[in-house]
């Protein structure tokens, strides 16, 4: 499951959820099918499209264990952006949309986890904004990891995370006149994350916690601070 917080949605301050799935017998969509080219050195696919009204620049990994989920996400994201552009007024420069992946692993190849966080850049509103979407996968059970399954049943992860992340936000908000804002969106703030051996890294889209002027946020929370509630 991926919680879509694409930047063209952030312009309208709307955050939705989309579940991507495919039949077990379906063949994964290839890089060529999406109009991309393979970089064998980085094990990524690069897709670049430019028209008179928009530019799309997408890179995604080819070694994520659930490759169909990645390609489904990339295709849907691209289709959503192209549709979004059709609803906007023409302007003197193209609307822009870009995806760049950050990949992580934890544990062993047989029982660990794999994560990919897409950094999403968009220039489709009053000013460019950056958001995130993530996919996480359990290599042992061969199932996706979501925010809900990351924690033990009955746990209250927001109550545990908010004080930790708030302390970090206070540091980053220094220099502004008002105190750092608090989390007003509950668990929606934490939907995009990556897993490493030592930490859970939360990627918070621009404007979701701090004001947009502060930019997007990346907060690494040590696993030791969440040990009592991690599944």
C-alpha atoms as a PDB file:
ATOM      1  CA  UNK A   1       0.000   0.000   0.000  1.00  0.00           C
ATOM      2  CA  UNK A   2       1.202   3.469  -0.806  1.00  0.00           C
ATOM      3  CA  UNK A   3      -0.268   6.638   0.561  1.00  0.00           C
ATOM      4  CA  UNK A   4      -0.217   9.072  -2.332  1.00  0.00           C
ATOM      5  CA  UNK A   5       0.844  12.590  -1.388  1.00  0.00           C
ATOM      6  CA  UNK A   6       1.924  13.708  -4.827  1.00  0.00           C
ATOM      7  CA  UNK A   7       2.873  17.319  -5.151  1.00  0.00           C
ATOM      8  CA  UNK A   8       0.109  18.222  -7.584  1.00  0.00           C
ATOM      9  CA  UNK A   9      -2.289  16.959  -4.912  1.00  0.00           C
ATOM     10  CA  UNK A  10      -0.475  19.006  -2.283  1.00  0.00           C
ATOM     11  CA  UNK A  11      -1.152  22.129  -4.315  1.00  0.00           C
ATOM     12  CA  UNK A  12      -4.839  21.509  -3.627  1.00  0.00           C
ATOM     13  CA  UNK A  13      -4.078  20.312  -0.077  1.00  0.00           C
ATOM     14  CA  UNK A  14      -5.670  16.964  -0.786  1.00  0.00           C
ATOM     15  CA  UNK A  15      -4.089  13.716   0.343  1.00  0.00           C
ATOM     16  CA  UNK A  16      -5.679  10.436  -0.791  1.00  0.00           C
ATOM     17  CA  UNK A  17      -4.883   6.736  -0.651  1.00  0.00           C
ATOM     18  CA  UNK A  18      -4.461   4.336  -3.535  1.00  0.00           C
ATOM     19  CA  UNK A  19      -3.792   0.608  -3.331  1.00  0.00           C
ATOM     20  CA  UNK A  20      -1.916  -0.947  -6.217  1.00  0.00           C
ATOM     21  CA  UNK A  21      -2.212  -4.637  -6.939  1.00  0.00           C
ATOM     22  CA  UNK A  22      -1.960  -7.034  -9.838  1.00  0.00           C
ATOM     23  CA  UNK A  23      -2.924 -10.656 -10.446  1.00  0.00           C
ATOM     24  CA  UNK A  24      -0.250 -13.110  -9.341  1.00  0.00           C
ATOM     25  CA  UNK A  25       0.076 -14.327 -12.928  1.00  0.00           C
ATOM     26  CA  UNK A  26       0.584 -10.857 -14.386  1.00  0.00           C
ATOM     27  CA  UNK A  27       3.977 -10.079 -15.870  1.00  0.00           C
ATOM     28  CA  UNK A  28       5.675  -6.990 -14.388  1.00  0.00           C
ATOM     29  CA  UNK A  29       5.528  -3.932 -16.631  1.00  0.00           C
ATOM     30  CA  UNK A  30       8.964  -3.343 -18.111  1.00  0.00           C
ATOM     31  CA  UNK A  31      10.942  -0.130 -18.280  1.00  0.00           C
ATOM     32  CA  UNK A  32      10.531  -0.155 -22.062  1.00  0.00           C
ATOM     33  CA  UNK A  33       6.754  -0.524 -21.700  1.00  0.00           C
ATOM     34  CA  UNK A  34       6.777   2.782 -19.794  1.00  0.00           C
ATOM     35  CA  UNK A  35       8.922   4.465 -22.441  1.00  0.00           C
ATOM     36  CA  UNK A  36      12.051   4.443 -20.299  1.00  0.00           C
ATOM     37  CA  UNK A  37      15.683   3.446 -20.633  1.00  0.00           C
ATOM     38  CA  UNK A  38      17.607   1.148 -18.287  1.00  0.00           C
ATOM     39  CA  UNK A  39      20.765   2.241 -16.491  1.00  0.00           C
ATOM     40  CA  UNK A  40      22.542  -1.039 -15.792  1.00  0.00           C
ATOM     41  CA  UNK A  41      25.067   0.584 -13.450  1.00  0.00           C
ATOM     42  CA  UNK A  42      22.489   2.045 -11.073  1.00  0.00           C
ATOM     43  CA  UNK A  43      19.799  -0.593 -11.743  1.00  0.00           C
ATOM     44  CA  UNK A  44      17.248   2.088 -12.452  1.00  0.00           C
ATOM     45  CA  UNK A  45      14.792   3.027 -15.177  1.00  0.00           C
ATOM     46  CA  UNK A  46      14.691   6.614 -16.419  1.00  0.00           C
ATOM     47  CA  UNK A  47      11.631   8.083 -18.134  1.00  0.00           C
ATOM     48  CA  UNK A  48      11.645  11.562 -19.621  1.00  0.00           C
ATOM     49  CA  UNK A  49       8.753  13.176 -21.455  1.00  0.00           C
ATOM     50  CA  UNK A  50       8.445  16.751 -22.648  1.00  0.00           C
ATOM     51  CA  UNK A  51       5.550  18.434 -24.442  1.00  0.00           C
ATOM     52  CA  UNK A  52       4.528  22.034 -24.959  1.00  0.00           C
ATOM     53  CA  UNK A  53       2.551  21.956 -21.700  1.00  0.00           C
ATOM     54  CA  UNK A  54       4.460  19.666 -19.331  1.00  0.00           C
ATOM     55  CA  UNK A  55       7.732  17.935 -18.459  1.00  0.00           C
ATOM     56  CA  UNK A  56       8.027  14.590 -16.669  1.00  0.00           C
ATOM     57  CA  UNK A  57      11.330  13.231 -15.322  1.00  0.00           C
ATOM     58  CA  UNK A  58      11.058   9.899 -13.493  1.00  0.00           C
ATOM     59  CA  UNK A  59      13.649   7.499 -12.128  1.00  0.00           C
ATOM     60  CA  UNK A  60      12.709   4.296 -10.344  1.00  0.00           C
ATOM     61  CA  UNK A  61      14.657   1.260  -9.076  1.00  0.00           C
ATOM     62  CA  UNK A  62      14.647  -2.049 -10.940  1.00  0.00           C
ATOM     63  CA  UNK A  63      15.762  -4.131  -7.960  1.00  0.00           C
ATOM     64  CA  UNK A  64      12.834  -3.566  -5.587  1.00  0.00           C
ATOM     65  CA  UNK A  65      11.449  -7.027  -4.669  1.00  0.00           C
ATOM     66  CA  UNK A  66       7.851  -6.142  -5.603  1.00  0.00           C
ATOM     67  CA  UNK A  67       8.620  -4.603  -8.962  1.00  0.00           C
ATOM     68  CA  UNK A  68       5.012  -4.695 -10.109  1.00  0.00           C
ATOM     69  CA  UNK A  69       4.023  -2.405  -7.227  1.00  0.00           C
ATOM     70  CA  UNK A  70       6.720   0.067  -8.289  1.00  0.00           C
ATOM     71  CA  UNK A  71       5.769   0.127 -11.963  1.00  0.00           C
ATOM     72  CA  UNK A  72       2.054   0.339 -11.112  1.00  0.00           C
ATOM     73  CA  UNK A  73       2.838   3.310  -8.883  1.00  0.00           C
ATOM     74  CA  UNK A  74       4.963   5.054 -11.525  1.00  0.00           C
ATOM     75  CA  UNK A  75       2.359   4.542 -14.249  1.00  0.00           C
ATOM     76  CA  UNK A  76      -0.515   5.753 -12.055  1.00  0.00           C
ATOM     77  CA  UNK A  77       1.496   8.750 -10.867  1.00  0.00           C
ATOM     78  CA  UNK A  78       2.304   9.745 -14.426  1.00  0.00           C
ATOM     79  CA  UNK A  79      -1.288   9.297 -15.573  1.00  0.00           C
ATOM     80  CA  UNK A  80      -2.557  11.357 -12.640  1.00  0.00           C
ATOM     81  CA  UNK A  81      -0.164  14.200 -13.449  1.00  0.00           C
ATOM     82  CA  UNK A  82      -1.035  14.252 -17.142  1.00  0.00           C
ATOM     83  CA  UNK A  83      -4.732  14.336 -16.259  1.00  0.00           C
ATOM     84  CA  UNK A  84      -4.085  17.086 -13.710  1.00  0.00           C
ATOM     85  CA  UNK A  85      -2.399  19.234 -16.355  1.00  0.00           C
ATOM     86  CA  UNK A  86      -5.491  18.969 -18.573  1.00  0.00           C
ATOM     87  CA  UNK A  87      -7.527  20.606 -15.806  1.00  0.00           C
ATOM     88  CA  UNK A  88      -5.146  23.568 -15.443  1.00  0.00           C
ATOM     89  CA  UNK A  89      -4.985  26.811 -17.374  1.00  0.00           C
ATOM     90  CA  UNK A  90      -2.207  27.032 -19.978  1.00  0.00           C
ATOM     91  CA  UNK A  91       0.825  29.028 -18.881  1.00  0.00           C
ATOM     92  CA  UNK A  92       3.974  30.407 -20.469  1.00  0.00           C
ATOM     93  CA  UNK A  93       6.218  27.596 -19.176  1.00  0.00           C
ATOM     94  CA  UNK A  94       5.570  23.860 -18.836  1.00  0.00           C
ATOM     95  CA  UNK A  95       4.204  22.235 -15.725  1.00  0.00           C
ATOM     96  CA  UNK A  96       6.895  19.981 -14.237  1.00  0.00           C
ATOM     97  CA  UNK A  97       6.777  16.707 -12.354  1.00  0.00           C
ATOM     98  CA  UNK A  98       9.698  14.555 -11.241  1.00  0.00           C
ATOM     99  CA  UNK A  99      10.254  11.405  -9.191  1.00  0.00           C
ATOM    100  CA  UNK A 100      13.586  10.418  -7.655  1.00  0.00           C
ATOM    101  CA  UNK A 101      13.991   7.257  -5.532  1.00  0.00           C
ATOM    102  CA  UNK A 102      15.793   6.723  -2.224  1.00  0.00           C
ATOM    103  CA  UNK A 103      16.344   3.003  -1.558  1.00  0.00           C
ATOM    104  CA  UNK A 104      17.037   1.279   1.767  1.00  0.00           C
ATOM    105  CA  UNK A 105      17.531  -2.254   3.089  1.00  0.00           C
ATOM    106  CA  UNK A 106      17.552  -3.783   6.545  1.00  0.00           C
ATOM    107  CA  UNK A 107      18.359  -7.243   7.857  1.00  0.00           C
ATOM    108  CA  UNK A 108      19.269 -10.107   5.572  1.00  0.00           C
ATOM    109  CA  UNK A 109      18.287 -10.834   1.988  1.00  0.00           C
ATOM    110  CA  UNK A 110      15.996 -13.639   3.207  1.00  0.00           C
ATOM    111  CA  UNK A 111      14.291 -12.043   6.197  1.00  0.00           C
ATOM    112  CA  UNK A 112      14.935  -8.318   6.108  1.00  0.00           C
ATOM    113  CA  UNK A 113      13.110  -5.410   4.506  1.00  0.00           C
ATOM    114  CA  UNK A 114      13.358  -3.298   1.387  1.00  0.00           C
ATOM    115  CA  UNK A 115      12.186   0.299   1.139  1.00  0.00           C
ATOM    116  CA  UNK A 116      11.922   2.850  -1.634  1.00  0.00           C
ATOM    117  CA  UNK A 117      10.906   6.445  -0.977  1.00  0.00           C
ATOM    118  CA  UNK A 118      10.010   8.546  -3.995  1.00  0.00           C
ATOM    119  CA  UNK A 119      10.932  12.206  -3.677  1.00  0.00           C
ATOM    120  CA  UNK A 120       8.343  14.062  -5.742  1.00  0.00           C
ATOM    121  CA  UNK A 121       9.100  17.470  -7.177  1.00  0.00           C
ATOM    122  CA  UNK A 122       6.307  19.462  -8.741  1.00  0.00           C
ATOM    123  CA  UNK A 123       6.065  22.871 -10.333  1.00  0.00           C
ATOM    124  CA  UNK A 124       2.360  23.131 -10.995  1.00  0.00           C
ATOM    125  CA  UNK A 125       1.139  25.810  -8.606  1.00  0.00           C
ATOM    126  CA  UNK A 126       2.171  29.135  -7.142  1.00  0.00           C
ATOM    127  CA  UNK A 127       5.635  27.739  -6.404  1.00  0.00           C
ATOM    128  CA  UNK A 128       7.447  24.382  -6.605  1.00  0.00           C
ATOM    129  CA  UNK A 129       6.806  21.898  -3.789  1.00  0.00           C
ATOM    130  CA  UNK A 130       8.301  18.572  -2.748  1.00  0.00           C
ATOM    131  CA  UNK A 131       6.413  15.567  -1.424  1.00  0.00           C
ATOM    132  CA  UNK A 132       7.022  11.871  -0.814  1.00  0.00           C
ATOM    133  CA  UNK A 133       5.506   8.441  -1.401  1.00  0.00           C
ATOM    134  CA  UNK A 134       6.978   5.200  -0.099  1.00  0.00           C
ATOM    135  CA  UNK A 135       6.814   1.453  -0.570  1.00  0.00           C
ATOM    136  CA  UNK A 136       8.108  -1.047   2.003  1.00  0.00           C
ATOM    137  CA  UNK A 137       8.395  -4.821   1.674  1.00  0.00           C
ATOM    138  CA  UNK A 138       8.979  -7.721   4.072  1.00  0.00           C
ATOM    139  CA  UNK A 139      11.475 -10.079   2.402  1.00  0.00           C
ATOM    140  CA  UNK A 140      10.632 -12.899   4.808  1.00  0.00           C
ATOM    141  CA  UNK A 141       6.848 -12.937   4.412  1.00  0.00           C
ATOM    142  CA  UNK A 142       6.795 -11.473   0.884  1.00  0.00           C
ATOM    143  CA  UNK A 143       4.201  -8.895   1.870  1.00  0.00           C
ATOM    144  CA  UNK A 144       4.044  -5.091   1.840  1.00  0.00           C
ATOM    145  CA  UNK A 145       4.704  -3.189   5.071  1.00  0.00           C
ATOM    146  CA  UNK A 146       2.395  -0.277   5.813  1.00  0.00           C
ATOM    147  CA  UNK A 147       2.249   2.172   8.698  1.00  0.00           C
ATOM    148  CA  UNK A 148      -0.483   0.030  10.271  1.00  0.00           C
ATOM    149  CA  UNK A 149       1.462  -3.251  10.036  1.00  0.00           C
ATOM    150  CA  UNK A 150       4.735  -1.656  11.154  1.00  0.00           C
ATOM    151  CA  UNK A 151       3.473  -1.478  14.731  1.00  0.00           C
ATOM    152  CA  UNK A 152       1.987  -3.959  17.183  1.00  0.00           C
ATOM    153  CA  UNK A 153      -1.816  -4.286  17.275  1.00  0.00           C
ATOM    154  CA  UNK A 154      -3.285  -1.898  19.812  1.00  0.00           C
ATOM    155  CA  UNK A 155      -0.211   0.355  19.859  1.00  0.00           C
ATOM    156  CA  UNK A 156      -0.538   4.125  19.588  1.00  0.00           C
ATOM    157  CA  UNK A 157       2.402   5.044  17.327  1.00  0.00           C
ATOM    158  CA  UNK A 158       1.353   8.676  16.954  1.00  0.00           C
ATOM    159  CA  UNK A 159       1.514   9.190  20.713  1.00  0.00           C
ATOM    160  CA  UNK A 160       5.020   7.700  20.726  1.00  0.00           C
ATOM    161  CA  UNK A 161       6.278   9.510  17.633  1.00  0.00           C
ATOM    162  CA  UNK A 162       4.900  13.006  18.121  1.00  0.00           C
ATOM    163  CA  UNK A 163       7.154  14.010  21.059  1.00  0.00           C
ATOM    164  CA  UNK A 164      10.245  12.628  19.305  1.00  0.00           C
ATOM    165  CA  UNK A 165       9.547  14.357  16.012  1.00  0.00           C
ATOM    166  CA  UNK A 166       8.371  17.562  17.715  1.00  0.00           C
ATOM    167  CA  UNK A 167      11.780  17.948  19.362  1.00  0.00           C
ATOM    168  CA  UNK A 168      13.416  17.709  15.971  1.00  0.00           C
ATOM    169  CA  UNK A 169      10.979  20.178  14.441  1.00  0.00           C
ATOM    170  CA  UNK A 170      11.718  22.686  17.202  1.00  0.00           C
ATOM    171  CA  UNK A 171      15.392  22.614  16.212  1.00  0.00           C
ATOM    172  CA  UNK A 172      14.593  23.104  12.538  1.00  0.00           C
ATOM    173  CA  UNK A 173      12.119  25.912  13.217  1.00  0.00           C
ATOM    174  CA  UNK A 174      14.650  28.050  15.095  1.00  0.00           C
ATOM    175  CA  UNK A 175      14.915  31.518  13.589  1.00  0.00           C
ATOM    176  CA  UNK A 176      11.218  31.836  12.884  1.00  0.00           C
ATOM    177  CA  UNK A 177       9.155  34.044  15.180  1.00  0.00           C
ATOM    178  CA  UNK A 178       6.459  31.599  16.301  1.00  0.00           C
ATOM    179  CA  UNK A 179       6.910  28.264  18.095  1.00  0.00           C
ATOM    180  CA  UNK A 180       7.149  25.236  15.833  1.00  0.00           C
ATOM    181  CA  UNK A 181       3.717  23.942  14.796  1.00  0.00           C
ATOM    182  CA  UNK A 182       2.500  20.657  16.223  1.00  0.00           C
ATOM    183  CA  UNK A 183       1.219  17.646  14.343  1.00  0.00           C
ATOM    184  CA  UNK A 184      -2.385  18.358  13.363  1.00  0.00           C
ATOM    185  CA  UNK A 185      -2.760  15.510  10.848  1.00  0.00           C
ATOM    186  CA  UNK A 186      -2.271  12.488  13.108  1.00  0.00           C
ATOM    187  CA  UNK A 187      -0.884   9.372  11.448  1.00  0.00           C
ATOM    188  CA  UNK A 188      -1.149  10.910   7.965  1.00  0.00           C
ATOM    189  CA  UNK A 189       2.154  12.650   8.693  1.00  0.00           C
ATOM    190  CA  UNK A 190       3.948   9.322   9.158  1.00  0.00           C
ATOM    191  CA  UNK A 191       2.675   7.286   6.215  1.00  0.00           C
ATOM    192  CA  UNK A 192       5.860   7.612   4.172  1.00  0.00           C
ATOM    193  CA  UNK A 193       8.862   5.942   5.761  1.00  0.00           C
ATOM    194  CA  UNK A 194      11.897   3.747   5.165  1.00  0.00           C
ATOM    195  CA  UNK A 195      13.442   1.032   7.321  1.00  0.00           C
ATOM    196  CA  UNK A 196      17.114   0.533   8.123  1.00  0.00           C
ATOM    197  CA  UNK A 197      18.847  -1.681  10.669  1.00  0.00           C
ATOM    198  CA  UNK A 198      19.019   1.186  13.145  1.00  0.00           C
ATOM    199  CA  UNK A 199      16.134   3.513  12.408  1.00  0.00           C
ATOM    200  CA  UNK A 200      12.729   4.225  10.941  1.00  0.00           C
ATOM    201  CA  UNK A 201      13.124   7.246   8.674  1.00  0.00           C
ATOM    202  CA  UNK A 202       9.994   9.329   8.188  1.00  0.00           C
ATOM    203  CA  UNK A 203       9.645  11.519   5.112  1.00  0.00           C
ATOM    204  CA  UNK A 204       7.215  14.384   5.680  1.00  0.00           C
ATOM    205  CA  UNK A 205       5.991  16.276   2.645  1.00  0.00           C
ATOM    206  CA  UNK A 206       6.395  20.026   2.403  1.00  0.00           C
ATOM    207  CA  UNK A 207       3.754  21.844   4.441  1.00  0.00           C
ATOM    208  CA  UNK A 208       2.460  18.789   6.300  1.00  0.00           C
ATOM    209  CA  UNK A 209       4.068  19.698   9.640  1.00  0.00           C
ATOM    210  CA  UNK A 210       6.142  22.845   9.352  1.00  0.00           C
ATOM    211  CA  UNK A 211       5.091  25.663   7.046  1.00  0.00           C
ATOM    212  CA  UNK A 212       5.973  25.205   3.376  1.00  0.00           C
ATOM    213  CA  UNK A 213       8.750  27.792   3.696  1.00  0.00           C
ATOM    214  CA  UNK A 214      10.705  25.253   5.779  1.00  0.00           C
ATOM    215  CA  UNK A 215      10.664  22.721   2.950  1.00  0.00           C
ATOM    216  CA  UNK A 216      10.170  18.951   3.141  1.00  0.00           C
ATOM    217  CA  UNK A 217      11.348  17.103   6.227  1.00  0.00           C
ATOM    218  CA  UNK A 218      13.228  13.853   6.818  1.00  0.00           C
ATOM    219  CA  UNK A 219      13.336  12.608  10.414  1.00  0.00           C
ATOM    220  CA  UNK A 220      15.260   9.515  11.483  1.00  0.00           C
ATOM    221  CA  UNK A 221      13.879   7.882  14.641  1.00  0.00           C
ATOM    222  CA  UNK A 222      16.126   5.248  16.274  1.00  0.00           C
ATOM    223  CA  UNK A 223      14.522   1.813  16.460  1.00  0.00           C
ATOM    224  CA  UNK A 224      15.501   1.712  20.120  1.00  0.00           C
ATOM    225  CA  UNK A 225      13.021   4.522  20.844  1.00  0.00           C
ATOM    226  CA  UNK A 226      10.216   2.543  19.200  1.00  0.00           C
ATOM    227  CA  UNK A 227      11.205  -0.958  20.317  1.00  0.00           C
ATOM    228  CA  UNK A 228       8.176  -1.410  22.580  1.00  0.00           C
ATOM    229  CA  UNK A 229       5.657  -0.806  19.776  1.00  0.00           C
ATOM    230  CA  UNK A 230       7.350  -2.090  16.603  1.00  0.00           C
ATOM    231  CA  UNK A 231       5.771  -5.303  15.327  1.00  0.00           C
END
